[in-house]
Amino acid sequence: MPDSWGCCAFAGDRGLLHPEVTAGATAAQAAEINQRDHDAYASCNRTCEMGMSRATGQPYRHVLEVLVEAVEPPA
């Protein structure tokens, strides 16, 4: 979790209508996240996943999807 973690400001559907608000709210966090590679990019909210994926260019997924993938053996 980045030190600059904060709200992505997607606010339900507002991030779809006003992406500049989300971009401004996530700028510091996205810069910190993109300083290095991570094994997973996770959130617990679908709109936050969308906002953070947009901000960082990384594939954010729900934290439970990441957990299932980590504990299930490959098929």
C-alpha atoms as a PDB file:
ATOM      1  CA  MET A   1       0.000   0.000   0.000  1.00  0.00           C
ATOM      2  CA  PRO A   2       1.542   3.299  -1.010  1.00  0.00           C
ATOM      3  CA  ASP A   3       2.234   5.955   1.633  1.00  0.00           C
ATOM      4  CA  SER A   4       0.263   8.417  -0.512  1.00  0.00           C
ATOM      5  CA  TRP A   5      -2.807   6.176  -0.547  1.00  0.00           C
ATOM      6  CA  GLY A   6      -6.089   8.049  -0.624  1.00  0.00           C
ATOM      7  CA  CYS A   7      -9.492   8.100  -2.227  1.00  0.00           C
ATOM      8  CA  CYS A   8      -9.472   7.674  -6.010  1.00  0.00           C
ATOM      9  CA  ALA A   9     -12.383  10.166  -6.269  1.00  0.00           C
ATOM     10  CA  PHE A  10     -14.208   8.043  -8.834  1.00  0.00           C
ATOM     11  CA  ALA A  11     -17.371   8.637  -6.759  1.00  0.00           C
ATOM     12  CA  GLY A  12     -19.675   6.071  -8.290  1.00  0.00           C
ATOM     13  CA  ASP A  13     -20.168   7.150 -11.896  1.00  0.00           C
ATOM     14  CA  ARG A  14     -18.610  10.620 -11.581  1.00  0.00           C
ATOM     15  CA  GLY A  15     -15.231   9.348 -12.730  1.00  0.00           C
ATOM     16  CA  LEU A  16     -16.822   8.319 -16.014  1.00  0.00           C
ATOM     17  CA  LEU A  17     -18.201  11.808 -16.537  1.00  0.00           C
ATOM     18  CA  HIS A  18     -15.308  13.792 -15.056  1.00  0.00           C
ATOM     19  CA  PRO A  19     -12.092  11.758 -15.407  1.00  0.00           C
ATOM     20  CA  GLU A  20     -10.026  14.848 -14.631  1.00  0.00           C
ATOM     21  CA  VAL A  21     -11.213  14.713 -11.001  1.00  0.00           C
ATOM     22  CA  THR A  22      -9.986  11.129 -10.608  1.00  0.00           C
ATOM     23  CA  ALA A  23      -6.743  11.970 -12.424  1.00  0.00           C
ATOM     24  CA  GLY A  24      -6.056  14.802  -9.996  1.00  0.00           C
ATOM     25  CA  ALA A  25      -6.947  12.742  -6.944  1.00  0.00           C
ATOM     26  CA  THR A  26      -4.726   9.814  -7.946  1.00  0.00           C
ATOM     27  CA  ALA A  27      -1.674  11.636  -9.351  1.00  0.00           C
ATOM     28  CA  ALA A  28       0.595  11.294  -6.291  1.00  0.00           C
ATOM     29  CA  GLN A  29      -0.489   7.730  -5.572  1.00  0.00           C
ATOM     30  CA  ALA A  30      -0.060   6.668  -9.208  1.00  0.00           C
ATOM     31  CA  ALA A  31       3.420   8.187  -9.346  1.00  0.00           C
ATOM     32  CA  GLU A  32       4.429   6.320  -6.192  1.00  0.00           C
ATOM     33  CA  ILE A  33       2.961   3.027  -7.423  1.00  0.00           C
ATOM     34  CA  ASN A  34       4.684   3.303 -10.793  1.00  0.00           C
ATOM     35  CA  GLN A  35       8.130   3.765  -9.231  1.00  0.00           C
ATOM     36  CA  ARG A  36       8.483  -0.023  -9.258  1.00  0.00           C
ATOM     37  CA  ASP A  37       6.730  -3.206 -10.373  1.00  0.00           C
ATOM     38  CA  HIS A  38       4.390  -5.065  -8.024  1.00  0.00           C
ATOM     39  CA  ASP A  39       3.111  -8.635  -8.020  1.00  0.00           C
ATOM     40  CA  ALA A  40      -0.508  -7.473  -7.976  1.00  0.00           C
ATOM     41  CA  TYR A  41      -2.575  -4.306  -8.162  1.00  0.00           C
ATOM     42  CA  ALA A  42      -5.694  -4.667  -6.034  1.00  0.00           C
ATOM     43  CA  SER A  43      -8.649  -2.752  -4.682  1.00  0.00           C
ATOM     44  CA  CYS A  44     -11.877  -3.695  -2.966  1.00  0.00           C
ATOM     45  CA  ASN A  45     -14.181  -1.605  -5.136  1.00  0.00           C
ATOM     46  CA  ARG A  46     -14.842  -1.936  -8.873  1.00  0.00           C
ATOM     47  CA  THR A  47     -14.929   1.785  -9.609  1.00  0.00           C
ATOM     48  CA  CYS A  48     -11.691   2.268  -7.672  1.00  0.00           C
ATOM     49  CA  GLU A  49     -10.180  -0.535  -9.776  1.00  0.00           C
ATOM     50  CA  MET A  50     -11.226   1.384 -12.888  1.00  0.00           C
ATOM     51  CA  GLY A  51      -9.870   4.687 -11.594  1.00  0.00           C
ATOM     52  CA  MET A  52      -6.552   3.261 -10.431  1.00  0.00           C
ATOM     53  CA  SER A  53      -6.096   1.212 -13.608  1.00  0.00           C
ATOM     54  CA  ARG A  54      -6.601   4.396 -15.593  1.00  0.00           C
ATOM     55  CA  ALA A  55      -4.246   6.397 -13.365  1.00  0.00           C
ATOM     56  CA  THR A  56      -1.398   3.874 -13.259  1.00  0.00           C
ATOM     57  CA  GLY A  57      -1.794   1.912 -16.478  1.00  0.00           C
ATOM     58  CA  GLN A  58      -1.720  -1.244 -14.336  1.00  0.00           C
ATOM     59  CA  PRO A  59      -4.382  -3.991 -14.252  1.00  0.00           C
ATOM     60  CA  TYR A  60      -6.185  -3.461 -10.937  1.00  0.00           C
ATOM     61  CA  ARG A  61      -8.390  -6.347  -9.792  1.00  0.00           C
ATOM     62  CA  HIS A  62     -10.566  -7.019  -6.790  1.00  0.00           C
ATOM     63  CA  VAL A  63      -8.518  -8.108  -3.797  1.00  0.00           C
ATOM     64  CA  LEU A  64     -10.537 -11.356  -3.551  1.00  0.00           C
ATOM     65  CA  GLU A  65      -9.622 -12.272  -7.140  1.00  0.00           C
ATOM     66  CA  VAL A  66      -5.960 -11.777  -6.280  1.00  0.00           C
ATOM     67  CA  LEU A  67      -6.357 -13.884  -3.118  1.00  0.00           C
ATOM     68  CA  VAL A  68      -8.083 -16.744  -4.960  1.00  0.00           C
ATOM     69  CA  GLU A  69      -5.359 -16.746  -7.589  1.00  0.00           C
ATOM     70  CA  ALA A  70      -2.701 -16.858  -4.869  1.00  0.00           C
ATOM     71  CA  VAL A  71      -4.164 -19.850  -3.022  1.00  0.00           C
ATOM     72  CA  GLU A  72      -5.615 -21.967  -5.841  1.00  0.00           C
ATOM     73  CA  PRO A  73      -3.238 -24.328  -7.596  1.00  0.00           C
ATOM     74  CA  PRO A  74      -2.899 -23.735 -11.351  1.00  0.00           C
ATOM     75  CA  ALA A  75      -5.333 -25.782 -13.456  1.00  0.00           C
END
